[in-house]
Amino acid sequence: MPLPPITFVKPEELRRLFNEGRYYERARNGEFTVRMTANSHPAPAASGEPKCTRSQMLAYHDPESGERIVLLHQCRRPDGNIGGSGKPDPKVLLINGTLHVAGDP
């Protein structure tokens, strides 16, 4: 299967698209299949997160096609909350057949 077109956007723009599309809420409501792709321990001390916080990469997939819609990073604290802003940080987002990737435009 060929790769979709790719456009690089600033991280702030990718977060805006992620938030406007309500991807996090939709994943929590079961609209996507969520798969963990990386789960390291511990989070770097420089992150300022509590001890035993996990650095995780997650992918949201369309449950019917299996297509990956979102790739994101999050710091999962021992209490189950997400660190940093309290929301996952998207790195790749598929919108209307185009991959939006966090990076220098």
PDB file of N, CA and C in Angstrom:
ATOM      1  N   MET A   1       0.842  -1.166   0.000  1.00  0.00           N
ATOM      2  CA  MET A   1       0.000   0.000   0.000  1.00  0.00           C
ATOM      3  C   MET A   1       0.899   1.244   0.000  1.00  0.00           C
ATOM      4  N   PRO A   2       0.679   2.180  -0.920  1.00  0.00           N
ATOM      5  CA  PRO A   2       1.521   3.377  -0.975  1.00  0.00           C
ATOM      6  C   PRO A   2       1.254   4.306   0.211  1.00  0.00           C
ATOM      7  N   LEU A   3       2.287   5.045   0.578  1.00  0.00           N
ATOM      8  CA  LEU A   3       2.123   6.015   1.663  1.00  0.00           C
ATOM      9  C   LEU A   3       1.253   7.176   1.193  1.00  0.00           C
ATOM     10  N   PRO A   4       0.443   7.712   2.100  1.00  0.00           N
ATOM     11  CA  PRO A   4      -0.350   8.897   1.739  1.00  0.00           C
ATOM     12  C   PRO A   4       0.571  10.116   1.629  1.00  0.00           C
ATOM     13  N   PRO A   5       0.095  11.188   1.009  1.00  0.00           N
ATOM     14  CA  PRO A   5       0.890  12.421   0.969  1.00  0.00           C
ATOM     15  C   PRO A   5       1.206  12.886   2.392  1.00  0.00           C
ATOM     16  N   ILE A   6       2.367  13.496   2.550  1.00  0.00           N
ATOM     17  CA  ILE A   6       2.815  13.965   3.868  1.00  0.00           C
ATOM     18  C   ILE A   6       2.980  15.476   3.837  1.00  0.00           C
ATOM     19  N   THR A   7       2.497  16.118   4.888  1.00  0.00           N
ATOM     20  CA  THR A   7       2.729  17.540   5.068  1.00  0.00           C
ATOM     21  C   THR A   7       3.294  17.751   6.467  1.00  0.00           C
ATOM     22  N   PHE A   8       4.352  18.539   6.567  1.00  0.00           N
ATOM     23  CA  PHE A   8       4.956  18.834   7.863  1.00  0.00           C
ATOM     24  C   PHE A   8       4.331  20.114   8.408  1.00  0.00           C
ATOM     25  N   VAL A   9       3.951  20.064   9.678  1.00  0.00           N
ATOM     26  CA  VAL A   9       3.332  21.211  10.329  1.00  0.00           C
ATOM     27  C   VAL A   9       4.020  21.444  11.666  1.00  0.00           C
ATOM     28  N   LYS A  10       3.924  22.655  12.144  1.00  0.00           N
ATOM     29  CA  LYS A  10       4.484  22.964  13.455  1.00  0.00           C
ATOM     30  C   LYS A  10       3.743  22.151  14.517  1.00  0.00           C
ATOM     31  N   PRO A  11       4.451  21.751  15.573  1.00  0.00           N
ATOM     32  CA  PRO A  11       3.795  20.973  16.638  1.00  0.00           C
ATOM     33  C   PRO A  11       2.535  21.644  17.190  1.00  0.00           C
ATOM     34  N   GLU A  12       2.548  22.977  17.292  1.00  0.00           N
ATOM     35  CA  GLU A  12       1.365  23.676  17.810  1.00  0.00           C
ATOM     36  C   GLU A  12       0.168  23.482  16.882  1.00  0.00           C
ATOM     37  N   GLU A  13       0.441  23.501  15.580  1.00  0.00           N
ATOM     38  CA  GLU A  13      -0.636  23.305  14.599  1.00  0.00           C
ATOM     39  C   GLU A  13      -1.176  21.882  14.678  1.00  0.00           C
ATOM     40  N   LEU A  14      -0.291  20.909  14.851  1.00  0.00           N
ATOM     41  CA  LEU A  14      -0.738  19.519  14.962  1.00  0.00           C
ATOM     42  C   LEU A  14      -1.589  19.335  16.217  1.00  0.00           C
ATOM     43  N   ARG A  15      -1.185  19.943  17.315  1.00  0.00           N
ATOM     44  CA  ARG A  15      -1.989  19.867  18.546  1.00  0.00           C
ATOM     45  C   ARG A  15      -3.354  20.513  18.335  1.00  0.00           C
ATOM     46  N   ARG A  16      -3.383  21.638  17.623  1.00  0.00           N
ATOM     47  CA  ARG A  16      -4.657  22.305  17.355  1.00  0.00           C
ATOM     48  C   ARG A  16      -5.585  21.393  16.551  1.00  0.00           C
ATOM     49  N   LEU A  17      -5.050  20.762  15.497  1.00  0.00           N
ATOM     50  CA  LEU A  17      -5.853  19.849  14.671  1.00  0.00           C
ATOM     51  C   LEU A  17      -6.340  18.655  15.493  1.00  0.00           C
ATOM     52  N   PHE A  18      -5.467  18.123  16.338  1.00  0.00           N
ATOM     53  CA  PHE A  18      -5.802  16.996  17.206  1.00  0.00           C
ATOM     54  C   PHE A  18      -6.937  17.385  18.157  1.00  0.00           C
ATOM     55  N   ASN A  19      -6.810  18.560  18.773  1.00  0.00           N
ATOM     56  CA  ASN A  19      -7.830  19.009  19.727  1.00  0.00           C
ATOM     57  C   ASN A  19      -9.150  19.329  19.033  1.00  0.00           C
ATOM     58  N   GLU A  20      -9.091  20.001  17.893  1.00  0.00           N
ATOM     59  CA  GLU A  20     -10.315  20.329  17.161  1.00  0.00           C
ATOM     60  C   GLU A  20     -11.057  19.075  16.702  1.00  0.00           C
ATOM     61  N   GLY A  21     -10.292  18.037  16.344  1.00  0.00           N
ATOM     62  CA  GLY A  21     -10.902  16.785  15.906  1.00  0.00           C
ATOM     63  C   GLY A  21     -11.359  15.898  17.056  1.00  0.00           C
ATOM     64  N   ARG A  22     -11.089  16.339  18.290  1.00  0.00           N
ATOM     65  CA  ARG A  22     -11.508  15.614  19.502  1.00  0.00           C
ATOM     66  C   ARG A  22     -11.030  14.156  19.488  1.00  0.00           C
ATOM     67  N   TYR A  23      -9.831  13.913  18.968  1.00  0.00           N
ATOM     68  CA  TYR A  23      -9.314  12.551  18.843  1.00  0.00           C
ATOM     69  C   TYR A  23      -9.148  11.874  20.199  1.00  0.00           C
ATOM     70  N   TYR A  24      -8.661  12.598  21.200  1.00  0.00           N
ATOM     71  CA  TYR A  24      -8.468  12.004  22.522  1.00  0.00           C
ATOM     72  C   TYR A  24      -9.801  11.562  23.111  1.00  0.00           C
ATOM     73  N   GLU A  25     -10.785  12.441  23.060  1.00  0.00           N
ATOM     74  CA  GLU A  25     -12.109  12.104  23.588  1.00  0.00           C
ATOM     75  C   GLU A  25     -12.723  10.941  22.807  1.00  0.00           C
ATOM     76  N   ARG A  26     -12.555  10.966  21.488  1.00  0.00           N
ATOM     77  CA  ARG A  26     -13.110   9.899  20.649  1.00  0.00           C
ATOM     78  C   ARG A  26     -12.447   8.556  20.960  1.00  0.00           C
ATOM     79  N   ALA A  27     -11.149   8.569  21.239  1.00  0.00           N
ATOM     80  CA  ALA A  27     -10.459   7.324  21.616  1.00  0.00           C
ATOM     81  C   ALA A  27     -10.981   6.822  22.962  1.00  0.00           C
ATOM     82  N   ARG A  28     -11.168   7.735  23.896  1.00  0.00           N
ATOM     83  CA  ARG A  28     -11.687   7.349  25.220  1.00  0.00           C
ATOM     84  C   ARG A  28     -13.103   6.792  25.119  1.00  0.00           C
ATOM     85  N   ASN A  29     -13.852   7.220  24.108  1.00  0.00           N
ATOM     86  CA  ASN A  29     -15.221   6.735  23.908  1.00  0.00           C
ATOM     87  C   ASN A  29     -15.273   5.453  23.077  1.00  0.00           C
ATOM     88  N   GLY A  30     -14.105   4.919  22.689  1.00  0.00           N
ATOM     89  CA  GLY A  30     -14.059   3.647  21.981  1.00  0.00           C
ATOM     90  C   GLY A  30     -14.180   3.732  20.470  1.00  0.00           C
ATOM     91  N   GLU A  31     -14.088   4.930  19.914  1.00  0.00           N
ATOM     92  CA  GLU A  31     -14.205   5.080  18.469  1.00  0.00           C
ATOM     93  C   GLU A  31     -12.992   4.506  17.729  1.00  0.00           C
ATOM     94  N   PHE A  32     -11.838   4.475  18.391  1.00  0.00           N
ATOM     95  CA  PHE A  32     -10.613   3.955  17.785  1.00  0.00           C
ATOM     96  C   PHE A  32     -10.110   2.754  18.575  1.00  0.00           C
ATOM     97  N   THR A  33      -9.336   1.919  17.917  1.00  0.00           N
ATOM     98  CA  THR A  33      -8.574   0.887  18.595  1.00  0.00           C
ATOM     99  C   THR A  33      -7.262   1.536  19.008  1.00  0.00           C
ATOM    100  N   VAL A  34      -6.924   1.471  20.285  1.00  0.00           N
ATOM    101  CA  VAL A  34      -5.707   2.109  20.793  1.00  0.00           C
ATOM    102  C   VAL A  34      -4.663   1.031  21.044  1.00  0.00           C
ATOM    103  N   ARG A  35      -3.479   1.236  20.470  1.00  0.00           N
ATOM    104  CA  ARG A  35      -2.369   0.288  20.640  1.00  0.00           C
ATOM    105  C   ARG A  35      -1.153   1.031  21.172  1.00  0.00           C
ATOM    106  N   MET A  36      -0.522   0.462  22.183  1.00  0.00           N
ATOM    107  CA  MET A  36       0.706   1.031  22.705  1.00  0.00           C
ATOM    108  C   MET A  36       1.859   0.527  21.841  1.00  0.00           C
ATOM    109  N   THR A  37       2.685   1.459  21.345  1.00  0.00           N
ATOM    110  CA  THR A  37       3.807   1.065  20.501  1.00  0.00           C
ATOM    111  C   THR A  37       5.135   1.161  21.238  1.00  0.00           C
ATOM    112  N   ALA A  38       5.174   1.891  22.349  1.00  0.00           N
ATOM    113  CA  ALA A  38       6.377   1.976  23.188  1.00  0.00           C
ATOM    114  C   ALA A  38       5.946   2.333  24.602  1.00  0.00           C
ATOM    115  N   ASN A  39       6.662   1.786  25.579  1.00  0.00           N
ATOM    116  CA  ASN A  39       6.331   2.010  26.982  1.00  0.00           C
ATOM    117  C   ASN A  39       7.625   1.871  27.772  1.00  0.00           C
ATOM    118  N   SER A  40       8.292   2.992  28.007  1.00  0.00           N
ATOM    119  CA  SER A  40       9.581   2.919  28.682  1.00  0.00           C
ATOM    120  C   SER A  40       9.483   3.435  30.113  1.00  0.00           C
ATOM    121  N   HIS A  41      10.428   2.990  30.909  1.00  0.00           N
ATOM    122  CA  HIS A  41      10.433   3.329  32.329  1.00  0.00           C
ATOM    123  C   HIS A  41      11.865   3.551  32.754  1.00  0.00           C
ATOM    124  N   PRO A  42      12.158   4.526  33.529  1.00  0.00           N
ATOM    125  CA  PRO A  42      11.275   5.602  33.952  1.00  0.00           C
ATOM    126  C   PRO A  42      11.329   6.768  32.982  1.00  0.00           C
ATOM    127  N   ALA A  43      10.442   7.740  33.180  1.00  0.00           N
ATOM    128  CA  ALA A  43      10.514   8.981  32.407  1.00  0.00           C
ATOM    129  C   ALA A  43      11.801   9.697  32.805  1.00  0.00           C
ATOM    130  N   PRO A  44      12.414  10.409  31.885  1.00  0.00           N
ATOM    131  CA  PRO A  44      13.648  11.110  32.228  1.00  0.00           C
ATOM    132  C   PRO A  44      13.435  12.079  33.391  1.00  0.00           C
ATOM    133  N   ALA A  45      14.424  12.161  34.262  1.00  0.00           N
ATOM    134  CA  ALA A  45      14.331  13.051  35.427  1.00  0.00           C
ATOM    135  C   ALA A  45      14.106  14.488  34.985  1.00  0.00           C
ATOM    136  N   ALA A  46      14.651  14.871  33.832  1.00  0.00           N
ATOM    137  CA  ALA A  46      14.518  16.241  33.330  1.00  0.00           C
ATOM    138  C   ALA A  46      13.070  16.593  32.987  1.00  0.00           C
ATOM    139  N   SER A  47      12.198  15.590  32.868  1.00  0.00           N
ATOM    140  CA  SER A  47      10.808  15.869  32.505  1.00  0.00           C
ATOM    141  C   SER A  47      10.045  16.551  33.627  1.00  0.00           C
ATOM    142  N   GLY A  48      10.546  16.412  34.856  1.00  0.00           N
ATOM    143  CA  GLY A  48       9.844  16.992  35.993  1.00  0.00           C
ATOM    144  C   GLY A  48       8.648  16.174  36.435  1.00  0.00           C
ATOM    145  N   GLU A  49       8.486  14.986  35.874  1.00  0.00           N
ATOM    146  CA  GLU A  49       7.367  14.116  36.222  1.00  0.00           C
ATOM    147  C   GLU A  49       7.718  13.266  37.446  1.00  0.00           C
ATOM    148  N   PRO A  50       6.711  12.779  38.185  1.00  0.00           N
ATOM    149  CA  PRO A  50       6.961  11.947  39.366  1.00  0.00           C
ATOM    150  C   PRO A  50       7.694  10.652  39.010  1.00  0.00           C
ATOM    151  N   LYS A  51       8.378  10.110  39.990  1.00  0.00           N
ATOM    152  CA  LYS A  51       9.060   8.833  39.831  1.00  0.00           C
ATOM    153  C   LYS A  51       8.054   7.770  39.375  1.00  0.00           C
ATOM    154  N   CYS A  52       8.495   6.909  38.495  1.00  0.00           N
ATOM    155  CA  CYS A  52       7.706   5.805  37.923  1.00  0.00           C
ATOM    156  C   CYS A  52       6.713   6.257  36.861  1.00  0.00           C
ATOM    157  N   THR A  53       6.823   7.502  36.387  1.00  0.00           N
ATOM    158  CA  THR A  53       6.021   7.934  35.248  1.00  0.00           C
ATOM    159  C   THR A  53       6.528   7.198  34.017  1.00  0.00           C
ATOM    160  N   ARG A  54       5.606   6.748  33.171  1.00  0.00           N
ATOM    161  CA  ARG A  54       5.952   6.007  31.965  1.00  0.00           C
ATOM    162  C   ARG A  54       5.913   6.923  30.749  1.00  0.00           C
ATOM    163  N   SER A  55       6.932   6.828  29.904  1.00  0.00           N
ATOM    164  CA  SER A  55       6.940   7.527  28.620  1.00  0.00           C
ATOM    165  C   SER A  55       6.355   6.560  27.602  1.00  0.00           C
ATOM    166  N   GLN A  56       5.236   6.934  26.980  1.00  0.00           N
ATOM    167  CA  GLN A  56       4.508   6.012  26.107  1.00  0.00           C
ATOM    168  C   GLN A  56       4.234   6.615  24.740  1.00  0.00           C
ATOM    169  N   MET A  57       4.294   5.765  23.724  1.00  0.00           N
ATOM    170  CA  MET A  57       3.828   6.105  22.382  1.00  0.00           C
ATOM    171  C   MET A  57       2.590   5.255  22.141  1.00  0.00           C
ATOM    172  N   LEU A  58       1.513   5.897  21.676  1.00  0.00           N
ATOM    173  CA  LEU A  58       0.262   5.207  21.391  1.00  0.00           C
ATOM    174  C   LEU A  58      -0.153   5.487  19.959  1.00  0.00           C
ATOM    175  N   ALA A  59      -0.854   4.548  19.367  1.00  0.00           N
ATOM    176  CA  ALA A  59      -1.422   4.725  18.030  1.00  0.00           C
ATOM    177  C   ALA A  59      -2.920   4.476  18.115  1.00  0.00           C
ATOM    178  N   TYR A  60      -3.678   5.333  17.454  1.00  0.00           N
ATOM    179  CA  TYR A  60      -5.121   5.158  17.327  1.00  0.00           C
ATOM    180  C   TYR A  60      -5.370   4.620  15.922  1.00  0.00           C
ATOM    181  N   HIS A  61      -6.120   3.529  15.840  1.00  0.00           N
ATOM    182  CA  HIS A  61      -6.418   2.893  14.555  1.00  0.00           C
ATOM    183  C   HIS A  61      -7.914   2.871  14.303  1.00  0.00           C
ATOM    184  N   ASP A  62      -8.275   2.970  13.035  1.00  0.00           N
ATOM    185  CA  ASP A  62      -9.658   2.769  12.634  1.00  0.00           C
ATOM    186  C   ASP A  62      -9.987   1.303  12.884  1.00  0.00           C
ATOM    187  N   PRO A  63     -11.024   1.002  13.658  1.00  0.00           N
ATOM    188  CA  PRO A  63     -11.299  -0.405  13.994  1.00  0.00           C
ATOM    189  C   PRO A  63     -11.717  -1.255  12.801  1.00  0.00           C
ATOM    190  N   GLU A  64     -12.279  -0.647  11.764  1.00  0.00           N
ATOM    191  CA  GLU A  64     -12.712  -1.428  10.601  1.00  0.00           C
ATOM    192  C   GLU A  64     -11.578  -1.690   9.622  1.00  0.00           C
ATOM    193  N   SER A  65     -10.838  -0.647   9.260  1.00  0.00           N
ATOM    194  CA  SER A  65      -9.779  -0.805   8.250  1.00  0.00           C
ATOM    195  C   SER A  65      -8.429  -1.139   8.868  1.00  0.00           C
ATOM    196  N   GLY A  66      -8.249  -0.849  10.156  1.00  0.00           N
ATOM    197  CA  GLY A  66      -6.962  -1.037  10.802  1.00  0.00           C
ATOM    198  C   GLY A  66      -5.985   0.098  10.508  1.00  0.00           C
ATOM    199  N   GLU A  67      -6.403   1.069   9.713  1.00  0.00           N
ATOM    200  CA  GLU A  67      -5.530   2.180   9.330  1.00  0.00           C
ATOM    201  C   GLU A  67      -5.177   3.024  10.555  1.00  0.00           C
ATOM    202  N   ARG A  68      -3.885   3.386  10.657  1.00  0.00           N
ATOM    203  CA  ARG A  68      -3.456   4.233  11.773  1.00  0.00           C
ATOM    204  C   ARG A  68      -3.872   5.670  11.497  1.00  0.00           C
ATOM    205  N   ILE A  69      -4.567   6.266  12.462  1.00  0.00           N
ATOM    206  CA  ILE A  69      -5.093   7.616  12.338  1.00  0.00           C
ATOM    207  C   ILE A  69      -4.207   8.608  13.096  1.00  0.00           C
ATOM    208  N   VAL A  70      -3.716   8.206  14.259  1.00  0.00           N
ATOM    209  CA  VAL A  70      -2.942   9.093  15.116  1.00  0.00           C
ATOM    210  C   VAL A  70      -1.776   8.321  15.725  1.00  0.00           C
ATOM    211  N   LEU A  71      -0.621   8.992  15.823  1.00  0.00           N
ATOM    212  CA  LEU A  71       0.504   8.514  16.623  1.00  0.00           C
ATOM    213  C   LEU A  71       0.802   9.627  17.606  1.00  0.00           C
ATOM    214  N   LEU A  72       0.895   9.300  18.905  1.00  0.00           N
ATOM    215  CA  LEU A  72       1.094  10.332  19.914  1.00  0.00           C
ATOM    216  C   LEU A  72       2.007   9.859  21.024  1.00  0.00           C
ATOM    217  N   HIS A  73       2.514  10.831  21.781  1.00  0.00           N
ATOM    218  CA  HIS A  73       3.337  10.565  22.958  1.00  0.00           C
ATOM    219  C   HIS A  73       2.589  11.064  24.185  1.00  0.00           C
ATOM    220  N   GLN A  74       2.781  10.354  25.284  1.00  0.00           N
ATOM    221  CA  GLN A  74       2.241  10.815  26.556  1.00  0.00           C
ATOM    222  C   GLN A  74       3.120  10.317  27.684  1.00  0.00           C
ATOM    223  N   CYS A  75       3.074  11.033  28.792  1.00  0.00           N
ATOM    224  CA  CYS A  75       3.731  10.598  30.018  1.00  0.00           C
ATOM    225  C   CYS A  75       2.620  10.175  30.975  1.00  0.00           C
ATOM    226  N   ARG A  76       2.544   8.883  31.260  1.00  0.00           N
ATOM    227  CA  ARG A  76       1.481   8.358  32.133  1.00  0.00           C
ATOM    228  C   ARG A  76       2.043   8.283  33.550  1.00  0.00           C
ATOM    229  N   ARG A  77       1.470   9.085  34.416  1.00  0.00           N
ATOM    230  CA  ARG A  77       1.912   9.135  35.808  1.00  0.00           C
ATOM    231  C   ARG A  77       1.437   7.894  36.563  1.00  0.00           C
ATOM    232  N   PRO A  78       2.087   7.593  37.699  1.00  0.00           N
ATOM    233  CA  PRO A  78       1.686   6.416  38.481  1.00  0.00           C
ATOM    234  C   PRO A  78       0.223   6.451  38.915  1.00  0.00           C
ATOM    235  N   ASP A  79      -0.349   7.652  39.064  1.00  0.00           N
ATOM    236  CA  ASP A  79      -1.751   7.743  39.475  1.00  0.00           C
ATOM    237  C   ASP A  79      -2.713   7.580  38.299  1.00  0.00           C
ATOM    238  N   GLY A  80      -2.165   7.372  37.078  1.00  0.00           N
ATOM    239  CA  GLY A  80      -2.991   7.158  35.895  1.00  0.00           C
ATOM    240  C   GLY A  80      -3.240   8.415  35.083  1.00  0.00           C
ATOM    241  N   ASN A  81      -2.948   9.576  35.635  1.00  0.00           N
ATOM    242  CA  ASN A  81      -3.131  10.824  34.900  1.00  0.00           C
ATOM    243  C   ASN A  81      -2.023  11.005  33.866  1.00  0.00           C
ATOM    244  N   ILE A  82      -2.294  11.861  32.898  1.00  0.00           N
ATOM    245  CA  ILE A  82      -1.305  12.185  31.886  1.00  0.00           C
ATOM    246  C   ILE A  82      -0.553  13.418  32.352  1.00  0.00           C
ATOM    247  N   GLY A  83       0.769  13.357  32.278  1.00  0.00           N
ATOM    248  CA  GLY A  83       1.603  14.471  32.717  1.00  0.00           C
ATOM    249  C   GLY A  83       1.633  15.601  31.716  1.00  0.00           C
ATOM    250  N   GLY A  84       2.517  16.551  31.973  1.00  0.00           N
ATOM    251  CA  GLY A  84       2.657  17.707  31.091  1.00  0.00           C
ATOM    252  C   GLY A  84       1.383  18.529  31.078  1.00  0.00           C
ATOM    253  N   SER A  85       0.844  18.731  29.885  1.00  0.00           N
ATOM    254  CA  SER A  85      -0.377  19.538  29.724  1.00  0.00           C
ATOM    255  C   SER A  85      -1.628  18.800  30.188  1.00  0.00           C
ATOM    256  N   GLY A  86      -1.491  17.512  30.456  1.00  0.00           N
ATOM    257  CA  GLY A  86      -2.661  16.710  30.827  1.00  0.00           C
ATOM    258  C   GLY A  86      -3.315  16.054  29.627  1.00  0.00           C
ATOM    259  N   LYS A  87      -2.736  16.291  28.433  1.00  0.00           N
ATOM    260  CA  LYS A  87      -3.252  15.689  27.207  1.00  0.00           C
ATOM    261  C   LYS A  87      -2.100  15.037  26.446  1.00  0.00           C
ATOM    262  N   PRO A  88      -2.412  14.035  25.632  1.00  0.00           N
ATOM    263  CA  PRO A  88      -1.371  13.430  24.805  1.00  0.00           C
ATOM    264  C   PRO A  88      -0.827  14.442  23.796  1.00  0.00           C
ATOM    265  N   ASP A  89       0.397  14.202  23.338  1.00  0.00           N
ATOM    266  CA  ASP A  89       1.053  15.087  22.372  1.00  0.00           C
ATOM    267  C   ASP A  89       1.120  14.372  21.019  1.00  0.00           C
ATOM    268  N   PRO A  90       0.289  14.775  20.059  1.00  0.00           N
ATOM    269  CA  PRO A  90       0.283  14.097  18.762  1.00  0.00           C
ATOM    270  C   PRO A  90       1.575  14.344  17.989  1.00  0.00           C
ATOM    271  N   LYS A  91       2.015  13.329  17.274  1.00  0.00           N
ATOM    272  CA  LYS A  91       3.210  13.418  16.429  1.00  0.00           C
ATOM    273  C   LYS A  91       2.859  13.242  14.959  1.00  0.00           C
ATOM    274  N   VAL A  92       1.831  12.414  14.680  1.00  0.00           N
ATOM    275  CA  VAL A  92       1.361  12.166  13.314  1.00  0.00           C
ATOM    276  C   VAL A  92      -0.155  12.071  13.362  1.00  0.00           C
ATOM    277  N   LEU A  93      -0.810  12.686  12.372  1.00  0.00           N
ATOM    278  CA  LEU A  93      -2.270  12.703  12.327  1.00  0.00           C
ATOM    279  C   LEU A  93      -2.713  12.569  10.874  1.00  0.00           C
ATOM    280  N   LEU A  94      -3.539  11.577  10.592  1.00  0.00           N
ATOM    281  CA  LEU A  94      -4.072  11.360   9.251  1.00  0.00           C
ATOM    282  C   LEU A  94      -5.414  12.070   9.132  1.00  0.00           C
ATOM    283  N   ILE A  95      -5.478  13.049   8.216  1.00  0.00           N
ATOM    284  CA  ILE A  95      -6.715  13.805   7.995  1.00  0.00           C
ATOM    285  C   ILE A  95      -6.985  13.831   6.497  1.00  0.00           C
ATOM    286  N   ASN A  96      -8.157  13.332   6.110  1.00  0.00           N
ATOM    287  CA  ASN A  96      -8.570  13.347   4.702  1.00  0.00           C
ATOM    288  C   ASN A  96      -7.490  12.796   3.767  1.00  0.00           C
ATOM    289  N   GLY A  97      -6.856  11.704   4.181  1.00  0.00           N
ATOM    290  CA  GLY A  97      -5.886  11.041   3.322  1.00  0.00           C
ATOM    291  C   GLY A  97      -4.501  11.643   3.299  1.00  0.00           C
ATOM    292  N   THR A  98      -4.248  12.665   4.119  1.00  0.00           N
ATOM    293  CA  THR A  98      -2.926  13.292   4.194  1.00  0.00           C
ATOM    294  C   THR A  98      -2.363  13.109   5.596  1.00  0.00           C
ATOM    295  N   LEU A  99      -1.088  12.681   5.669  1.00  0.00           N
ATOM    296  CA  LEU A  99      -0.412  12.572   6.965  1.00  0.00           C
ATOM    297  C   LEU A  99       0.130  13.944   7.348  1.00  0.00           C
ATOM    298  N   HIS A 100      -0.291  14.430   8.488  1.00  0.00           N
ATOM    299  CA  HIS A 100       0.235  15.674   9.052  1.00  0.00           C
ATOM    300  C   HIS A 100       1.256  15.246  10.107  1.00  0.00           C
ATOM    301  N   VAL A 101       2.496  15.665   9.917  1.00  0.00           N
ATOM    302  CA  VAL A 101       3.599  15.229  10.776  1.00  0.00           C
ATOM    303  C   VAL A 101       4.197  16.438  11.471  1.00  0.00           C
ATOM    304  N   ALA A 102       4.432  16.294  12.783  1.00  0.00           N
ATOM    305  CA  ALA A 102       5.063  17.382  13.539  1.00  0.00           C
ATOM    306  C   ALA A 102       6.508  17.513  13.085  1.00  0.00           C
ATOM    307  N   GLY A 103       6.856  18.710  12.632  1.00  0.00           N
ATOM    308  CA  GLY A 103       8.222  18.975  12.183  1.00  0.00           C
ATOM    309  C   GLY A 103       8.279  20.318  11.511  1.00  0.00           C
ATOM    310  N   ASP A 104       9.451  20.651  11.021  1.00  0.00           N
ATOM    311  CA  ASP A 104       9.623  21.936  10.341  1.00  0.00           C
ATOM    312  C   ASP A 104       8.922  21.918   9.002  1.00  0.00           C
ATOM    313  N   PRO A 105       7.970  22.855   8.834  1.00  0.00           N
ATOM    314  CA  PRO A 105       7.257  22.927   7.543  1.00  0.00           C
ATOM    315  C   PRO A 105       8.176  23.322   6.396  1.00  0.00           C
TER     316      PRO A 105
END
